[in-house]
PDB file of N, CA and C in Angstrom:
ATOM      1  N   MET A   1     -50.656 -16.300  40.358  1.00  0.00           N
ATOM      2  CA  MET A   1     -49.642 -15.667  41.371  1.00  0.00           C
ATOM      3  C   MET A   1     -48.298 -15.855  39.907  1.00  0.00           C
ATOM      4  N   ALA A   2     -48.317 -17.088  39.544  1.00  0.00           N
ATOM      5  CA  ALA A   2     -47.298 -17.840  38.903  1.00  0.00           C
ATOM      6  C   ALA A   2     -46.659 -16.998  37.678  1.00  0.00           C
ATOM      7  N   VAL A   3     -47.923 -16.639  36.990  1.00  0.00           N
ATOM      8  CA  VAL A   3     -47.427 -15.518  35.668  1.00  0.00           C
ATOM      9  C   VAL A   3     -46.886 -14.413  35.564  1.00  0.00           C
ATOM     10  N   PRO A   4     -47.165 -13.761  36.807  1.00  0.00           N
ATOM     11  CA  PRO A   4     -45.833 -12.192  36.976  1.00  0.00           C
ATOM     12  C   PRO A   4     -44.471 -13.140  36.736  1.00  0.00           C
ATOM     13  N   ASN A   5     -44.108 -14.126  37.779  1.00  0.00           N
ATOM     14  CA  ASN A   5     -43.137 -14.662  37.561  1.00  0.00           C
ATOM     15  C   ASN A   5     -42.251 -15.514  36.530  1.00  0.00           C
ATOM     16  N   GLU A   6     -43.340 -16.187  35.750  1.00  0.00           N
ATOM     17  CA  GLU A   6     -42.690 -16.476  34.629  1.00  0.00           C
ATOM     18  C   GLU A   6     -42.745 -15.639  33.523  1.00  0.00           C
ATOM     19  N   HIS A   7     -43.253 -14.265  33.455  1.00  0.00           N
ATOM     20  CA  HIS A   7     -43.021 -13.267  32.888  1.00  0.00           C
ATOM     21  C   HIS A   7     -41.767 -12.301  32.902  1.00  0.00           C
ATOM     22  N   LEU A   8     -41.259 -12.411  34.091  1.00  0.00           N
ATOM     23  CA  LEU A   8     -40.133 -11.870  34.661  1.00  0.00           C
ATOM     24  C   LEU A   8     -38.772 -12.946  34.220  1.00  0.00           C
ATOM     25  N   ALA A   9     -39.265 -14.031  34.484  1.00  0.00           N
ATOM     26  CA  ALA A   9     -37.937 -15.104  34.033  1.00  0.00           C
ATOM     27  C   ALA A   9     -38.067 -15.173  32.246  1.00  0.00           C
ATOM     28  N   ASP A  10     -39.393 -14.694  31.558  1.00  0.00           N
ATOM     29  CA  ASP A  10     -38.900 -14.599  30.302  1.00  0.00           C
ATOM     30  C   ASP A  10     -37.956 -13.348  29.767  1.00  0.00           C
ATOM     31  N   GLU A  11     -38.451 -12.003  31.021  1.00  0.00           N
ATOM     32  CA  GLU A  11     -38.040 -11.176  30.172  1.00  0.00           C
ATOM     33  C   GLU A  11     -36.214 -10.874  30.678  1.00  0.00           C
ATOM     34  N   ILE A  12     -35.879 -11.495  31.916  1.00  0.00           N
ATOM     35  CA  ILE A  12     -34.762 -11.994  31.985  1.00  0.00           C
ATOM     36  C   ILE A  12     -34.084 -12.847  31.217  1.00  0.00           C
ATOM     37  N   ALA A  13     -34.882 -13.773  30.867  1.00  0.00           N
ATOM     38  CA  ALA A  13     -33.746 -14.417  29.344  1.00  0.00           C
ATOM     39  C   ALA A  13     -33.537 -13.823  28.152  1.00  0.00           C
ATOM     40  N   ARG A  14     -34.668 -12.927  28.283  1.00  0.00           N
ATOM     41  CA  ARG A  14     -34.141 -12.162  27.190  1.00  0.00           C
ATOM     42  C   ARG A  14     -33.443 -11.388  26.904  1.00  0.00           C
ATOM     43  N   LEU A  15     -33.393 -10.754  28.077  1.00  0.00           N
ATOM     44  CA  LEU A  15     -31.813  -9.968  28.721  1.00  0.00           C
ATOM     45  C   LEU A  15     -30.433 -10.131  28.389  1.00  0.00           C
ATOM     46  N   GLN A  16     -30.757 -11.480  29.127  1.00  0.00           N
ATOM     47  CA  GLN A  16     -29.172 -12.171  28.760  1.00  0.00           C
ATOM     48  C   GLN A  16     -29.490 -12.315  27.646  1.00  0.00           C
ATOM     49  N   ARG A  17     -30.151 -13.005  26.571  1.00  0.00           N
ATOM     50  CA  ARG A  17     -29.509 -13.505  25.792  1.00  0.00           C
ATOM     51  C   ARG A  17     -29.001 -11.922  24.389  1.00  0.00           C
ATOM     52  N   ARG A  18     -30.150 -11.221  24.645  1.00  0.00           N
ATOM     53  CA  ARG A  18     -29.522  -9.658  23.974  1.00  0.00           C
ATOM     54  C   ARG A  18     -28.228  -9.242  24.690  1.00  0.00           C
ATOM     55  N   VAL A  19     -27.959  -9.671  26.011  1.00  0.00           N
ATOM     56  CA  VAL A  19     -26.267  -9.272  26.539  1.00  0.00           C
ATOM     57  C   VAL A  19     -25.575 -10.158  25.947  1.00  0.00           C
ATOM     58  N   SER A  20     -25.950 -11.076  25.701  1.00  0.00           N
ATOM     59  CA  SER A  20     -24.513 -12.128  25.088  1.00  0.00           C
ATOM     60  C   SER A  20     -24.372 -11.865  23.618  1.00  0.00           C
ATOM     61  N   GLU A  21     -25.950 -11.478  22.838  1.00  0.00           N
ATOM     62  CA  GLU A  21     -25.305 -11.133  21.630  1.00  0.00           C
ATOM     63  C   GLU A  21     -24.759  -9.677  21.541  1.00  0.00           C
ATOM     64  N   LEU A  22     -24.775  -8.850  22.385  1.00  0.00           N
ATOM     65  CA  LEU A  22     -24.216  -7.337  21.986  1.00  0.00           C
ATOM     66  C   LEU A  22     -22.569  -7.550  22.825  1.00  0.00           C
ATOM     67  N   THR A  23     -22.447  -8.623  23.705  1.00  0.00           N
ATOM     68  CA  THR A  23     -20.979  -8.939  23.941  1.00  0.00           C
ATOM     69  C   THR A  23     -20.177  -9.104  22.987  1.00  0.00           C
ATOM     70  N   ALA A  24     -21.352 -10.388  22.359  1.00  0.00           N
ATOM     71  CA  ALA A  24     -20.683 -10.658  20.927  1.00  0.00           C
ATOM     72  C   ALA A  24     -19.950 -10.153  19.842  1.00  0.00           C
ATOM     73  N   ALA A  25     -21.327  -9.340  19.919  1.00  0.00           N
ATOM     74  CA  ALA A  25     -20.717  -8.152  18.841  1.00  0.00           C
ATOM     75  C   ALA A  25     -19.516  -6.989  19.009  1.00  0.00           C
ATOM     76  N   LEU A  26     -19.713  -7.058  20.262  1.00  0.00           N
ATOM     77  CA  LEU A  26     -18.382  -6.252  20.749  1.00  0.00           C
ATOM     78  C   LEU A  26     -17.339  -6.806  20.529  1.00  0.00           C
ATOM     79  N   ALA A  27     -17.044  -7.760  21.044  1.00  0.00           N
ATOM     80  CA  ALA A  27     -15.807  -8.656  21.052  1.00  0.00           C
ATOM     81  C   ALA A  27     -15.538  -9.095  19.645  1.00  0.00           C
ATOM     82  N   ALA A  28     -16.260  -8.763  18.585  1.00  0.00           N
ATOM     83  CA  ALA A  28     -16.130  -8.692  17.250  1.00  0.00           C
ATOM     84  C   ALA A  28     -15.489  -7.733  16.319  1.00  0.00           C
ATOM     85  N   ALA A  29     -15.924  -6.804  17.094  1.00  0.00           N
ATOM     86  CA  ALA A  29     -15.591  -5.295  17.081  1.00  0.00           C
ATOM     87  C   ALA A  29     -14.218  -5.050  17.229  1.00  0.00           C
ATOM     88  N   ASN A  30     -14.114  -5.394  18.423  1.00  0.00           N
ATOM     89  CA  ASN A  30     -12.758  -5.001  19.148  1.00  0.00           C
ATOM     90  C   ASN A  30     -11.517  -5.817  18.090  1.00  0.00           C
ATOM     91  N   GLU A  31     -11.830  -7.008  18.112  1.00  0.00           N
ATOM     92  CA  GLU A  31     -11.115  -7.846  17.012  1.00  0.00           C
ATOM     93  C   GLU A  31     -10.644  -7.208  15.681  1.00  0.00           C
ATOM     94  N   GLU A  32     -11.865  -6.609  15.482  1.00  0.00           N
ATOM     95  CA  GLU A  32     -11.550  -5.843  14.015  1.00  0.00           C
ATOM     96  C   GLU A  32     -10.676  -4.497  14.068  1.00  0.00           C
ATOM     97  N   LEU A  33     -10.821  -4.129  15.051  1.00  0.00           N
ATOM     98  CA  LEU A  33     -10.365  -2.714  15.476  1.00  0.00           C
ATOM     99  C   LEU A  33      -8.863  -3.033  15.771  1.00  0.00           C
ATOM    100  N   GLN A  34      -8.261  -4.406  16.224  1.00  0.00           N
ATOM    101  CA  GLN A  34      -7.062  -4.654  16.559  1.00  0.00           C
ATOM    102  C   GLN A  34      -6.553  -5.055  15.229  1.00  0.00           C
ATOM    103  N   ARG A  35      -6.872  -5.709  14.332  1.00  0.00           N
ATOM    104  CA  ARG A  35      -6.440  -5.852  12.721  1.00  0.00           C
ATOM    105  C   ARG A  35      -5.945  -4.554  12.420  1.00  0.00           C
ATOM    106  N   GLU A  36      -7.077  -3.760  12.210  1.00  0.00           N
ATOM    107  CA  GLU A  36      -6.722  -2.162  11.553  1.00  0.00           C
ATOM    108  C   GLU A  36      -5.681  -1.561  12.087  1.00  0.00           C
ATOM    109  N   ARG A  37      -5.937  -1.653  13.220  1.00  0.00           N
ATOM    110  CA  ARG A  37      -4.595  -1.210  14.480  1.00  0.00           C
ATOM    111  C   ARG A  37      -3.213  -1.799  14.307  1.00  0.00           C
ATOM    112  N   ALA A  38      -3.444  -3.139  13.932  1.00  0.00           N
ATOM    113  CA  ALA A  38      -1.595  -3.574  13.453  1.00  0.00           C
ATOM    114  C   ALA A  38      -1.643  -3.217  11.818  1.00  0.00           C
ATOM    115  N   ASP A  39      -2.770  -3.624  10.963  1.00  0.00           N
ATOM    116  CA  ASP A  39      -2.242  -2.589   9.482  1.00  0.00           C
ATOM    117  C   ASP A  39      -1.722  -1.371   9.440  1.00  0.00           C
ATOM    118  N   ARG A  40      -2.575  -0.484  10.423  1.00  0.00           N
ATOM    119  CA  ARG A  40      -2.296   0.742  10.340  1.00  0.00           C
ATOM    120  C   ARG A  40      -0.696   0.736  10.770  1.00  0.00           C
ATOM    121  N   ALA A  41      -0.460  -0.162  12.011  1.00  0.00           N
ATOM    122  CA  ALA A  41       1.262   0.007  12.761  1.00  0.00           C
ATOM    123  C   ALA A  41       2.449  -0.346  10.881  1.00  0.00           C
ATOM    124  N   ARG A  42       1.813  -1.848  10.728  1.00  0.00           N
ATOM    125  CA  ARG A  42       2.652  -1.767   9.871  1.00  0.00           C
ATOM    126  C   ARG A  42       2.646  -0.883   8.820  1.00  0.00           C
ATOM    127  N   THR A  43       1.814  -0.295   7.928  1.00  0.00           N
ATOM    128  CA  THR A  43       1.619   0.698   6.894  1.00  0.00           C
ATOM    129  C   THR A  43       2.719   1.859   7.419  1.00  0.00           C
ATOM    130  N   GLU A  44       2.522   2.411   8.570  1.00  0.00           N
ATOM    131  CA  GLU A  44       3.239   3.445   8.798  1.00  0.00           C
ATOM    132  C   GLU A  44       4.920   3.072   8.957  1.00  0.00           C
ATOM    133  N   GLU A  45       5.032   1.860   9.443  1.00  0.00           N
ATOM    134  CA  GLU A  45       6.596   1.665   9.268  1.00  0.00           C
ATOM    135  C   GLU A  45       7.163   1.423   7.903  1.00  0.00           C
ATOM    136  N   ALA A  46       6.060   0.854   7.041  1.00  0.00           N
ATOM    137  CA  ALA A  46       6.518   0.817   5.649  1.00  0.00           C
ATOM    138  C   ALA A  46       6.870   2.430   5.286  1.00  0.00           C
ATOM    139  N   LEU A  47       6.117   3.018   5.246  1.00  0.00           N
ATOM    140  CA  LEU A  47       6.202   4.137   5.132  1.00  0.00           C
ATOM    141  C   LEU A  47       7.572   4.827   5.470  1.00  0.00           C
ATOM    142  N   ARG A  48       7.557   4.812   6.697  1.00  0.00           N
ATOM    143  CA  ARG A  48       8.936   5.480   7.799  1.00  0.00           C
ATOM    144  C   ARG A  48      10.384   4.270   6.498  1.00  0.00           C
ATOM    145  N   VAL A  49      10.058   3.464   6.642  1.00  0.00           N
ATOM    146  CA  VAL A  49      11.545   2.548   5.729  1.00  0.00           C
ATOM    147  C   VAL A  49      11.358   3.290   4.435  1.00  0.00           C
ATOM    148  N   ARG A  50      10.343   3.301   3.504  1.00  0.00           N
ATOM    149  CA  ARG A  50      10.235   3.991   2.494  1.00  0.00           C
ATOM    150  C   ARG A  50      10.596   5.507   2.159  1.00  0.00           C
ATOM    151  N   GLU A  51      10.473   6.313   3.159  1.00  0.00           N
ATOM    152  CA  GLU A  51      10.879   7.840   3.508  1.00  0.00           C
ATOM    153  C   GLU A  51      12.935   7.299   3.721  1.00  0.00           C
ATOM    154  N   ARG A  52      13.057   7.031   4.438  1.00  0.00           N
ATOM    155  CA  ARG A  52      14.560   6.651   4.643  1.00  0.00           C
ATOM    156  C   ARG A  52      14.847   5.890   3.668  1.00  0.00           C
ATOM    157  N   PHE A  53      14.680   5.230   2.990  1.00  0.00           N
ATOM    158  CA  PHE A  53      15.229   4.948   1.308  1.00  0.00           C
ATOM    159  C   PHE A  53      14.986   5.930   0.840  1.00  0.00           C
ATOM    160  N   ARG A  54      14.206   6.584   0.427  1.00  0.00           N
ATOM    161  CA  ARG A  54      14.048   7.842  -0.739  1.00  0.00           C
ATOM    162  C   ARG A  54      15.160   8.747  -0.163  1.00  0.00           C
ATOM    163  N   ALA A  55      15.317   8.962   0.878  1.00  0.00           N
ATOM    164  CA  ALA A  55      16.489  10.249   1.585  1.00  0.00           C
ATOM    165  C   ALA A  55      17.450   9.466   1.412  1.00  0.00           C
ATOM    166  N   ILE A  56      18.215   8.620   1.582  1.00  0.00           N
ATOM    167  CA  ILE A  56      19.382   7.841   0.908  1.00  0.00           C
ATOM    168  C   ILE A  56      19.781   7.816  -0.516  1.00  0.00           C
ATOM    169  N   VAL A  57      18.621   7.599  -1.259  1.00  0.00           N
ATOM    170  CA  VAL A  57      18.757   7.478  -2.530  1.00  0.00           C
ATOM    171  C   VAL A  57      19.074   8.900  -3.040  1.00  0.00           C
ATOM    172  N   ASP A  58      17.893   9.731  -2.765  1.00  0.00           N
ATOM    173  CA  ASP A  58      17.850  11.215  -3.134  1.00  0.00           C
ATOM    174  C   ASP A  58      19.469  11.927  -2.851  1.00  0.00           C
ATOM    175  N   ASP A  59      20.214  11.408  -2.123  1.00  0.00           N
ATOM    176  CA  ASP A  59      21.492  11.774  -1.936  1.00  0.00           C
ATOM    177  C   ASP A  59      22.407  11.076  -2.481  1.00  0.00           C
ATOM    178  N   LEU A  60      22.638  10.119  -3.239  1.00  0.00           N
ATOM    179  CA  LEU A  60      23.385   9.803  -4.024  1.00  0.00           C
ATOM    180  C   LEU A  60      23.724  10.232  -5.012  1.00  0.00           C
ATOM    181  N   PRO A  61      24.742  10.228  -5.339  1.00  0.00           N
ATOM    182  CA  PRO A  61      25.400  11.609  -6.283  1.00  0.00           C
ATOM    183  C   PRO A  61      25.054  11.302  -7.679  1.00  0.00           C
ATOM    184  N   VAL A  62      24.360   9.872  -7.941  1.00  0.00           N
ATOM    185  CA  VAL A  62      24.495   9.449  -9.366  1.00  0.00           C
ATOM    186  C   VAL A  62      22.496   9.323  -9.649  1.00  0.00           C
ATOM    187  N   MET A  63      22.122   9.110 -10.570  1.00  0.00           N
ATOM    188  CA  MET A  63      21.134   8.558 -11.332  1.00  0.00           C
ATOM    189  C   MET A  63      20.478   7.381 -10.778  1.00  0.00           C
ATOM    190  N   VAL A  64      19.572   7.387 -10.472  1.00  0.00           N
ATOM    191  CA  VAL A  64      18.739   5.764  -9.810  1.00  0.00           C
ATOM    192  C   VAL A  64      17.413   5.787 -10.515  1.00  0.00           C
ATOM    193  N   THR A  65      17.265   4.681 -11.269  1.00  0.00           N
ATOM    194  CA  THR A  65      15.829   4.822 -11.311  1.00  0.00           C
ATOM    195  C   THR A  65      14.979   3.150 -11.113  1.00  0.00           C
ATOM    196  N   LEU A  66      13.958   3.180 -10.796  1.00  0.00           N
ATOM    197  CA  LEU A  66      13.636   2.234 -10.748  1.00  0.00           C
ATOM    198  C   LEU A  66      12.286   1.832 -11.945  1.00  0.00           C
ATOM    199  N   MET A  67      12.875   0.609 -12.591  1.00  0.00           N
ATOM    200  CA  MET A  67      11.782   0.674 -13.524  1.00  0.00           C
ATOM    201  C   MET A  67      10.760  -0.396 -13.747  1.00  0.00           C
ATOM    202  N   THR A  68       9.620  -0.580 -14.196  1.00  0.00           N
ATOM    203  CA  THR A  68       8.307  -1.941 -14.096  1.00  0.00           C
ATOM    204  C   THR A  68       8.796  -3.042 -15.670  1.00  0.00           C
ATOM    205  N   PRO A  69       8.917  -4.146 -14.883  1.00  0.00           N
ATOM    206  CA  PRO A  69       8.777  -5.089 -16.335  1.00  0.00           C
ATOM    207  C   PRO A  69       8.446  -4.932 -17.067  1.00  0.00           C
ATOM    208  N   ASP A  70       7.392  -3.751 -17.941  1.00  0.00           N
ATOM    209  CA  ASP A  70       7.053  -3.145 -19.175  1.00  0.00           C
ATOM    210  C   ASP A  70       8.471  -1.935 -19.360  1.00  0.00           C
ATOM    211  N   GLY A  71       9.369  -1.687 -18.524  1.00  0.00           N
ATOM    212  CA  GLY A  71      10.269  -0.971 -19.359  1.00  0.00           C
ATOM    213  C   GLY A  71       9.840   0.519 -18.533  1.00  0.00           C
ATOM    214  N   GLU A  72       8.897   0.810 -18.042  1.00  0.00           N
ATOM    215  CA  GLU A  72       8.488   2.079 -17.695  1.00  0.00           C
ATOM    216  C   GLU A  72       8.645   2.503 -16.510  1.00  0.00           C
ATOM    217  N   PHE A  73       8.967   3.939 -16.256  1.00  0.00           N
ATOM    218  CA  PHE A  73       9.208   4.652 -14.753  1.00  0.00           C
ATOM    219  C   PHE A  73       8.379   4.321 -13.747  1.00  0.00           C
ATOM    220  N   ALA A  74       8.995   3.578 -12.631  1.00  0.00           N
ATOM    221  CA  ALA A  74       8.243   3.439 -11.679  1.00  0.00           C
ATOM    222  C   ALA A  74       9.317   4.752 -10.325  1.00  0.00           C
ATOM    223  N   GLU A  75      10.160   4.986 -10.466  1.00  0.00           N
ATOM    224  CA  GLU A  75      10.457   5.691  -9.195  1.00  0.00           C
ATOM    225  C   GLU A  75      12.353   6.103  -9.644  1.00  0.00           C
ATOM    226  N   GLY A  76      12.164   7.217  -9.309  1.00  0.00           N
ATOM    227  CA  GLY A  76      13.516   7.969  -9.680  1.00  0.00           C
ATOM    228  C   GLY A  76      14.160   8.806  -8.411  1.00  0.00           C
ATOM    229  N   ASN A  77      15.301   9.339  -8.203  1.00  0.00           N
ATOM    230  CA  ASN A  77      16.150  10.427  -7.723  1.00  0.00           C
ATOM    231  C   ASN A  77      15.816  11.605  -8.073  1.00  0.00           C
ATOM    232  N   ARG A  78      16.362  12.358  -7.164  1.00  0.00           N
ATOM    233  CA  ARG A  78      15.647  13.356  -7.847  1.00  0.00           C
ATOM    234  C   ARG A  78      16.998  14.482  -8.980  1.00  0.00           C
ATOM    235  N   HIS A  79      18.339  12.974  -9.010  1.00  0.00           N
ATOM    236  CA  HIS A  79      19.120  13.338  -9.946  1.00  0.00           C
ATOM    237  C   HIS A  79      18.582  12.406 -11.584  1.00  0.00           C
ATOM    238  N   MET A  80      17.495  11.845 -11.191  1.00  0.00           N
ATOM    239  CA  MET A  80      17.243  11.172 -12.674  1.00  0.00           C
ATOM    240  C   MET A  80      16.747  12.021 -13.141  1.00  0.00           C
ATOM    241  N   LEU A  81      15.570  12.701 -12.159  1.00  0.00           N
ATOM    242  CA  LEU A  81      14.595  13.648 -12.352  1.00  0.00           C
ATOM    243  C   LEU A  81      14.832  14.984 -13.209  1.00  0.00           C
ATOM    244  N   GLU A  82      16.103  15.307 -12.484  1.00  0.00           N
ATOM    245  CA  GLU A  82      17.044  16.767 -13.104  1.00  0.00           C
ATOM    246  C   GLU A  82      17.019  16.094 -14.703  1.00  0.00           C
ATOM    247  N   TYR A  83      18.021  15.081 -14.719  1.00  0.00           N
ATOM    248  CA  TYR A  83      18.381  15.209 -15.955  1.00  0.00           C
ATOM    249  C   TYR A  83      17.735  15.096 -16.717  1.00  0.00           C
ATOM    250  N   PHE A  84      16.237  14.820 -16.828  1.00  0.00           N
ATOM    251  CA  PHE A  84      15.277  14.174 -17.517  1.00  0.00           C
ATOM    252  C   PHE A  84      14.474  15.746 -17.728  1.00  0.00           C
ATOM    253  N   GLY A  85      14.715  16.737 -16.710  1.00  0.00           N
ATOM    254  CA  GLY A  85      14.049  17.826 -16.675  1.00  0.00           C
ATOM    255  C   GLY A  85      12.069  17.539 -16.967  1.00  0.00           C
ATOM    256  N   ALA A  86      11.880  16.590 -15.945  1.00  0.00           N
ATOM    257  CA  ALA A  86      10.480  16.291 -15.920  1.00  0.00           C
ATOM    258  C   ALA A  86      10.125  15.693 -14.685  1.00  0.00           C
ATOM    259  N   SER A  87       8.863  15.759 -14.021  1.00  0.00           N
ATOM    260  CA  SER A  87       8.468  15.193 -13.224  1.00  0.00           C
ATOM    261  C   SER A  87       8.512  13.649 -13.304  1.00  0.00           C
ATOM    262  N   LEU A  88       8.005  12.940 -12.259  1.00  0.00           N
ATOM    263  CA  LEU A  88       8.109  11.173 -12.299  1.00  0.00           C
ATOM    264  C   LEU A  88       6.644  10.965 -12.844  1.00  0.00           C
ATOM    265  N   ASP A  89       5.805  12.133 -12.845  1.00  0.00           N
ATOM    266  CA  ASP A  89       4.767  11.551 -13.236  1.00  0.00           C
ATOM    267  C   ASP A  89       4.798  11.848 -14.972  1.00  0.00           C
ATOM    268  N   GLU A  90       5.364  12.317 -15.377  1.00  0.00           N
ATOM    269  CA  GLU A  90       5.228  13.099 -16.897  1.00  0.00           C
ATOM    270  C   GLU A  90       6.244  12.128 -17.316  1.00  0.00           C
ATOM    271  N   LEU A  91       7.233  11.283 -16.854  1.00  0.00           N
ATOM    272  CA  LEU A  91       8.043  10.436 -16.908  1.00  0.00           C
ATOM    273  C   LEU A  91       6.948   9.208 -17.279  1.00  0.00           C
ATOM    274  N   LYS A  92       6.265   8.888 -16.245  1.00  0.00           N
ATOM    275  CA  LYS A  92       5.412   7.526 -16.273  1.00  0.00           C
ATOM    276  C   LYS A  92       4.547   7.311 -17.154  1.00  0.00           C
ATOM    277  N   ARG A  93       4.106   8.700 -17.941  1.00  0.00           N
ATOM    278  CA  ARG A  93       3.619   9.090 -18.934  1.00  0.00           C
ATOM    279  C   ARG A  93       3.678   9.050 -20.578  1.00  0.00           C
ATOM    280  N   ARG A  94       5.457   8.932 -20.338  1.00  0.00           N
ATOM    281  CA  ARG A  94       5.801   8.547 -21.718  1.00  0.00           C
ATOM    282  C   ARG A  94       6.573   7.652 -21.810  1.00  0.00           C
ATOM    283  N   PRO A  95       6.377   7.031 -23.419  1.00  0.00           N
ATOM    284  CA  PRO A  95       6.979   5.648 -23.495  1.00  0.00           C
ATOM    285  C   PRO A  95       8.641   5.882 -22.882  1.00  0.00           C
ATOM    286  N   THR A  96       8.966   4.701 -22.656  1.00  0.00           N
ATOM    287  CA  THR A  96      10.733   4.811 -21.483  1.00  0.00           C
ATOM    288  C   THR A  96      11.297   5.048 -23.302  1.00  0.00           C
ATOM    289  N   THR A  97      10.914   4.186 -24.152  1.00  0.00           N
ATOM    290  CA  THR A  97      12.275   4.565 -25.784  1.00  0.00           C
ATOM    291  C   THR A  97      12.388   5.739 -25.809  1.00  0.00           C
ATOM    292  N   GLN A  98      11.467   7.055 -25.682  1.00  0.00           N
ATOM    293  CA  GLN A  98      11.576   7.825 -25.730  1.00  0.00           C
ATOM    294  C   GLN A  98      13.054   8.675 -25.394  1.00  0.00           C
ATOM    295  N   SER A  99      13.336   8.330 -24.093  1.00  0.00           N
ATOM    296  CA  SER A  99      14.651   8.226 -23.340  1.00  0.00           C
ATOM    297  C   SER A  99      15.968   8.220 -24.065  1.00  0.00           C
ATOM    298  N   PHE A 100      16.005   7.341 -25.191  1.00  0.00           N
ATOM    299  CA  PHE A 100      16.686   6.517 -25.984  1.00  0.00           C
ATOM    300  C   PHE A 100      17.093   7.165 -27.484  1.00  0.00           C
ATOM    301  N   HIS A 101      18.274   7.207 -27.825  1.00  0.00           N
ATOM    302  CA  HIS A 101      18.267   8.147 -29.286  1.00  0.00           C
ATOM    303  C   HIS A 101      17.418   6.813 -30.135  1.00  0.00           C
ATOM    304  N   PRO A 102      16.786   7.282 -31.582  1.00  0.00           N
ATOM    305  CA  PRO A 102      16.058   6.456 -32.258  1.00  0.00           C
ATOM    306  C   PRO A 102      16.828   5.279 -32.753  1.00  0.00           C
ATOM    307  N   ASP A 103      18.245   5.716 -33.062  1.00  0.00           N
ATOM    308  CA  ASP A 103      18.947   4.067 -33.757  1.00  0.00           C
ATOM    309  C   ASP A 103      19.192   3.093 -32.918  1.00  0.00           C
ATOM    310  N   ASP A 104      19.194   3.534 -30.981  1.00  0.00           N
ATOM    311  CA  ASP A 104      19.542   2.691 -30.220  1.00  0.00           C
ATOM    312  C   ASP A 104      18.188   2.091 -29.424  1.00  0.00           C
ATOM    313  N   ARG A 105      16.905   2.714 -30.171  1.00  0.00           N
ATOM    314  CA  ARG A 105      15.976   2.369 -29.471  1.00  0.00           C
ATOM    315  C   ARG A 105      15.640   0.598 -29.528  1.00  0.00           C
ATOM    316  N   PRO A 106      15.825  -0.149 -30.640  1.00  0.00           N
ATOM    317  CA  PRO A 106      15.185  -1.656 -30.844  1.00  0.00           C
ATOM    318  C   PRO A 106      16.271  -2.042 -30.306  1.00  0.00           C
ATOM    319  N   SER A 107      17.625  -2.259 -30.022  1.00  0.00           N
ATOM    320  CA  SER A 107      18.602  -2.743 -29.242  1.00  0.00           C
ATOM    321  C   SER A 107      18.478  -2.494 -27.521  1.00  0.00           C
ATOM    322  N   VAL A 108      17.999  -1.429 -27.016  1.00  0.00           N
ATOM    323  CA  VAL A 108      17.814  -1.221 -25.913  1.00  0.00           C
ATOM    324  C   VAL A 108      16.244  -2.086 -25.678  1.00  0.00           C
ATOM    325  N   ASP A 109      15.494  -1.682 -26.442  1.00  0.00           N
ATOM    326  CA  ASP A 109      14.388  -2.861 -26.016  1.00  0.00           C
ATOM    327  C   ASP A 109      14.147  -4.034 -26.152  1.00  0.00           C
ATOM    328  N   ALA A 110      15.018  -4.720 -26.664  1.00  0.00           N
ATOM    329  CA  ALA A 110      15.549  -6.078 -26.845  1.00  0.00           C
ATOM    330  C   ALA A 110      16.633  -6.369 -26.173  1.00  0.00           C
ATOM    331  N   ARG A 111      17.170  -5.884 -24.932  1.00  0.00           N
ATOM    332  CA  ARG A 111      17.943  -6.118 -23.638  1.00  0.00           C
ATOM    333  C   ARG A 111      16.818  -5.945 -23.001  1.00  0.00           C
ATOM    334  N   TRP A 112      16.290  -5.083 -22.577  1.00  0.00           N
ATOM    335  CA  TRP A 112      15.743  -5.040 -21.362  1.00  0.00           C
ATOM    336  C   TRP A 112      14.052  -5.758 -21.381  1.00  0.00           C
ATOM    337  N   LYS A 113      13.815  -6.610 -22.002  1.00  0.00           N
ATOM    338  CA  LYS A 113      12.978  -7.596 -22.057  1.00  0.00           C
ATOM    339  C   LYS A 113      13.719  -8.823 -22.066  1.00  0.00           C
ATOM    340  N   ALA A 114      15.095  -8.773 -22.263  1.00  0.00           N
ATOM    341  CA  ALA A 114      15.758  -9.705 -22.054  1.00  0.00           C
ATOM    342  C   ALA A 114      16.445  -9.922 -20.730  1.00  0.00           C
ATOM    343  N   SER A 115      16.400  -8.801 -20.112  1.00  0.00           N
ATOM    344  CA  SER A 115      16.939  -8.372 -18.596  1.00  0.00           C
ATOM    345  C   SER A 115      15.829  -9.147 -17.833  1.00  0.00           C
ATOM    346  N   VAL A 116      14.499  -9.066 -18.089  1.00  0.00           N
ATOM    347  CA  VAL A 116      13.341  -9.043 -17.233  1.00  0.00           C
ATOM    348  C   VAL A 116      12.689 -10.240 -17.366  1.00  0.00           C
ATOM    349  N   ARG A 117      13.329 -11.162 -18.131  1.00  0.00           N
ATOM    350  CA  ARG A 117      12.479 -12.699 -18.090  1.00  0.00           C
ATOM    351  C   ARG A 117      12.975 -13.539 -17.332  1.00  0.00           C
TER     352      ARG A 117
END
């Protein structure tokens, strides 16, 4: 008669281990979901800030351009895009030096490089 009780005790122990494993897995998944939720909230806030900034910059009555350290177009407001008659993607694909008179290109390039050191 001891064998059935021993089998039952082994089964209970196995089930308890399985419940512990599943509980740990659920806790880890929950932690990951919480991290993802926090990351998403930070990303959404950053997008809201960027959209507010974009709206302000687009409403300025002047050209605003953000350049990379290499002198390439990164961002620009609508006045800048209208001035160049191109989309931002088009401007990103062309060398910035094309925006200047050929006689001015060497000095503009030198000044740019000196300004981002």
